[in-house]
Amino acid sequence: ASLDALPLTTLEDPDRGPLEAVEARGLNATGADFTELEVSGSRFSNCLFQACSFTGALFVDIAFEGCDFSNSTFDSAAFTRCTFKDCKFAGASFTEALWEHVVVEGCTFAYGAFNRCRWKVIRACTCDFSSADMSEMELRAITLDDDRFTGTSFFRTKLTGLDLTSCQLKGIVVSDTMGEVFGAKLSLYQAAALARRLGII
């Protein structure tokens, strides 16, 4: 109730400065440049931001719901204490971004790029990471629940301590030594599928 409506003109203004306690609802921007945008204590709902640049952006205490960020760029951006619900990030890039204390639910990150992204205290539920590039990531305190990892690349990303038993794990990409999955918790069938790559029958 205390949030102020955020017009698109203010969001697109390069001299906007940090934004706080605002609500963006139903905004429609395609290909816009929001580089180094700083927002805190706010809400974004049902917004369309396809192919936009959020490079170096800073989001703190933000709730995203029903937004479409497909093919947008979040390289070197930071998300702290944020929630994502029913959002689309198909083909989005999060290279070298930071996620800390983030909850994602019902979102799609198919074909997304998370190279060298850092996740700390993350919960992902019913999300789709199919064909995403999650290589060389740093993962700490991650909770996964019914997520899809089909054709996902975990090259040089240590999955130690992750419980993947409730997730769909098919055709993932790892190194020849398969060291990425050392210490991960897998179901019998998930482990058997990986074992076949070692020539085990």
Protein backbone atom coordinates (compact mmCIF):
# COMPACT_ATOMS: atom_id res chain seq x y z
CA ALA A 1 0.00 0.00 0.00
CA SER A 2 2.94 2.33 0.54
CA LEU A 3 4.44 1.83 -2.92
CA ASP A 4 4.30 4.62 -5.50
CA ALA A 5 3.34 3.85 -9.10
CA LEU A 6 6.39 3.80 -11.38
CA PRO A 7 5.76 5.22 -14.89
CA LEU A 8 7.83 3.90 -17.77
CA THR A 9 9.17 7.40 -18.52
CA THR A 10 10.81 7.51 -15.10
CA LEU A 11 12.28 4.05 -15.51
CA GLU A 12 13.76 4.91 -18.90
CA ASP A 13 15.20 8.25 -17.74
CA PRO A 14 19.03 7.89 -17.66
CA ASP A 15 19.14 10.44 -14.80
CA ARG A 16 16.57 8.57 -12.69
CA GLY A 17 18.97 7.76 -9.85
CA PRO A 18 18.20 5.00 -7.32
CA LEU A 19 14.52 4.05 -7.07
CA GLU A 20 12.89 2.99 -3.80
CA ALA A 21 9.41 1.85 -2.73
CA VAL A 22 7.92 1.87 -6.23
CA GLU A 23 5.53 -0.45 -8.05
CA ALA A 24 5.87 -1.21 -11.75
CA ARG A 25 2.68 -2.79 -13.06
CA GLY A 26 1.94 -3.73 -16.67
CA LEU A 27 4.90 -1.81 -18.11
CA ASN A 28 5.83 -2.68 -21.70
CA ALA A 29 9.39 -2.04 -22.89
CA THR A 30 11.30 -3.97 -25.56
CA GLY A 31 14.98 -3.48 -26.25
CA ALA A 32 15.28 -0.70 -23.67
CA ASP A 33 18.52 0.13 -21.87
CA PHE A 34 18.31 -0.05 -18.07
CA THR A 35 22.05 -0.42 -17.49
CA GLU A 36 23.09 0.03 -13.84
CA LEU A 37 19.48 0.46 -12.72
CA GLU A 38 19.17 0.54 -8.91
CA VAL A 39 15.86 -0.43 -7.30
CA SER A 40 15.02 -1.40 -3.71
CA GLY A 41 11.92 -2.26 -1.67
CA SER A 42 9.70 -2.50 -4.76
CA ARG A 43 7.43 -4.72 -6.83
CA PHE A 44 7.34 -5.54 -10.57
CA SER A 45 4.21 -7.31 -11.80
CA ASN A 46 3.02 -8.33 -15.27
CA CYS A 47 5.73 -6.30 -17.00
CA LEU A 48 7.20 -6.99 -20.44
CA PHE A 49 10.94 -6.34 -20.70
CA GLN A 50 12.04 -8.50 -23.63
CA ALA A 51 15.59 -8.04 -24.98
CA CYS A 52 16.38 -5.28 -22.48
CA SER A 53 19.76 -4.51 -20.92
CA PHE A 54 20.00 -4.64 -17.13
CA THR A 55 23.79 -4.96 -17.13
CA GLY A 56 25.23 -4.02 -13.75
CA ALA A 57 21.78 -3.46 -12.25
CA LEU A 58 21.17 -3.72 -8.50
CA PHE A 59 17.91 -5.15 -7.12
CA VAL A 60 17.37 -5.29 -3.35
CA ASP A 61 14.15 -6.48 -1.66
CA ILE A 62 12.23 -6.80 -4.93
CA ALA A 63 9.21 -8.99 -5.78
CA PHE A 64 8.88 -9.97 -9.46
CA GLU A 65 5.62 -11.61 -10.52
CA GLY A 66 4.33 -12.56 -13.97
CA CYS A 67 7.08 -10.62 -15.78
CA ASP A 68 8.70 -11.49 -19.11
CA PHE A 69 12.45 -10.79 -19.32
CA SER A 70 13.14 -13.14 -22.26
CA ASN A 71 16.45 -12.51 -24.05
CA SER A 72 17.37 -9.72 -21.64
CA THR A 73 20.86 -9.17 -20.26
CA PHE A 74 21.62 -9.15 -16.52
CA ASP A 75 25.39 -9.56 -16.76
CA SER A 76 27.18 -8.46 -13.55
CA ALA A 77 23.82 -7.61 -11.97
CA ALA A 78 23.03 -8.32 -8.30
CA PHE A 79 19.80 -9.63 -6.76
CA THR A 80 19.55 -9.55 -2.96
CA ARG A 81 16.46 -10.75 -1.04
CA CYS A 82 14.36 -11.00 -4.20
CA THR A 83 11.49 -13.28 -5.22
CA PHE A 84 10.50 -14.38 -8.72
CA LYS A 85 7.12 -15.99 -9.38
CA ASP A 86 5.81 -17.15 -12.76
CA CYS A 87 8.40 -15.11 -14.68
CA LYS A 88 9.99 -15.82 -18.08
CA PHE A 89 13.75 -15.51 -18.57
CA ALA A 90 14.12 -17.64 -21.72
CA GLY A 91 17.47 -16.88 -23.33
CA ALA A 92 18.39 -14.33 -20.65
CA SER A 93 22.02 -13.80 -19.68
CA PHE A 94 23.19 -13.66 -16.05
CA THR A 95 26.93 -13.94 -16.69
CA GLU A 96 28.92 -13.12 -13.52
CA ALA A 97 25.73 -12.03 -11.74
CA LEU A 98 25.11 -12.43 -8.00
CA TRP A 99 21.98 -14.00 -6.50
CA GLU A 100 21.80 -13.89 -2.72
CA HIS A 101 18.78 -14.93 -0.61
CA VAL A 102 16.58 -15.39 -3.69
CA VAL A 103 13.44 -17.52 -4.18
CA VAL A 104 12.27 -18.49 -7.69
CA GLU A 105 9.01 -20.32 -8.30
CA GLY A 106 7.37 -21.42 -11.55
CA CYS A 107 9.89 -19.56 -13.72
CA THR A 108 11.55 -20.55 -16.99
CA PHE A 109 15.26 -19.98 -17.63
CA ALA A 110 15.51 -22.22 -20.70
CA TYR A 111 18.57 -21.45 -22.86
CA GLY A 112 19.73 -18.95 -20.25
CA ALA A 113 23.39 -18.15 -19.58
CA PHE A 114 24.61 -18.32 -15.97
CA ASN A 115 28.35 -18.55 -16.65
CA ARG A 116 30.37 -17.75 -13.51
CA CYS A 117 27.19 -16.70 -11.71
CA ARG A 118 27.23 -16.85 -7.89
CA TRP A 119 24.23 -18.26 -6.02
CA LYS A 120 24.07 -18.00 -2.24
CA VAL A 121 21.04 -19.21 -0.24
CA ILE A 122 18.73 -19.89 -3.18
CA ARG A 123 15.47 -21.84 -3.38
CA ALA A 124 14.17 -22.84 -6.83
CA CYS A 125 10.80 -24.60 -7.15
CA THR A 126 9.20 -25.93 -10.37
CA CYS A 127 11.57 -23.95 -12.60
CA ASP A 128 12.82 -24.89 -16.06
CA PHE A 129 16.57 -24.65 -16.70
CA SER A 130 16.50 -26.73 -19.90
CA SER A 131 19.52 -26.17 -22.18
CA ALA A 132 20.81 -23.45 -19.85
CA ASP A 133 24.55 -22.84 -19.56
CA MET A 134 25.29 -23.07 -15.84
CA SER A 135 29.03 -23.56 -16.19
CA GLU A 136 31.65 -22.43 -13.66
CA MET A 137 29.02 -21.31 -11.15
CA GLU A 138 29.56 -20.93 -7.41
CA LEU A 139 26.72 -22.55 -5.46
CA ARG A 140 26.12 -22.29 -1.70
CA ALA A 141 23.07 -23.36 0.33
CA ILE A 142 20.90 -24.25 -2.68
CA THR A 143 17.48 -25.90 -2.32
CA LEU A 144 15.91 -27.44 -5.44
CA ASP A 145 12.36 -28.80 -5.73
CA ASP A 146 10.87 -30.28 -8.91
CA ASP A 147 13.11 -28.31 -11.27
CA ARG A 148 13.96 -29.34 -14.83
CA PHE A 149 17.55 -29.71 -16.00
CA THR A 150 17.34 -31.17 -19.50
CA GLY A 151 20.45 -30.65 -21.59
CA THR A 152 21.76 -28.23 -18.96
CA SER A 153 25.50 -27.62 -18.84
CA PHE A 154 27.11 -27.88 -15.40
CA PHE A 155 30.65 -27.85 -16.79
CA ARG A 156 33.07 -27.03 -13.93
CA THR A 157 30.19 -26.28 -11.53
CA LYS A 158 30.45 -28.25 -8.30
CA LEU A 159 27.12 -29.78 -7.31
CA THR A 160 28.39 -31.05 -3.96
CA GLY A 161 25.63 -31.16 -1.36
CA LEU A 162 22.78 -30.51 -3.82
CA ASP A 163 19.70 -32.73 -3.53
CA LEU A 164 18.59 -33.37 -7.11
CA THR A 165 16.31 -36.32 -6.37
CA SER A 166 13.08 -34.38 -6.98
CA CYS A 167 14.37 -32.80 -10.22
CA GLN A 168 14.29 -33.89 -13.84
CA LEU A 169 17.88 -34.59 -14.80
CA LYS A 170 18.45 -35.64 -18.40
CA GLY A 171 21.34 -35.22 -20.80
CA ILE A 172 23.28 -32.84 -18.57
CA VAL A 173 26.72 -31.68 -19.69
CA VAL A 174 29.66 -32.31 -17.36
CA SER A 175 33.40 -32.88 -17.84
CA ASP A 176 34.84 -36.27 -18.79
CA THR A 177 35.79 -37.01 -15.18
CA MET A 178 32.24 -36.15 -14.03
CA GLY A 179 33.74 -34.46 -10.97
CA GLU A 180 30.90 -31.92 -11.00
CA VAL A 181 28.43 -34.45 -9.55
CA PHE A 182 30.76 -35.64 -6.75
CA GLY A 183 28.86 -35.38 -3.47
CA ALA A 184 25.50 -34.60 -5.08
CA LYS A 185 22.41 -36.51 -3.94
CA LEU A 186 20.81 -38.41 -6.84
CA SER A 187 18.00 -40.90 -7.20
CA LEU A 188 18.77 -44.47 -8.24
CA TYR A 189 17.73 -43.82 -11.84
CA GLN A 190 19.60 -40.52 -12.08
CA ALA A 191 22.77 -42.19 -10.82
CA ALA A 192 22.30 -45.11 -13.23
CA ALA A 193 21.96 -42.74 -16.19
CA LEU A 194 25.22 -41.01 -15.26
CA ALA A 195 26.95 -44.34 -14.65
CA ARG A 196 26.27 -45.40 -18.23
CA ARG A 197 28.48 -42.54 -19.37
CA LEU A 198 31.35 -44.32 -17.63
CA GLY A 199 30.66 -47.46 -19.62
CA ILE A 200 28.95 -49.23 -16.72
CA ILE A 201 26.17 -51.61 -17.70
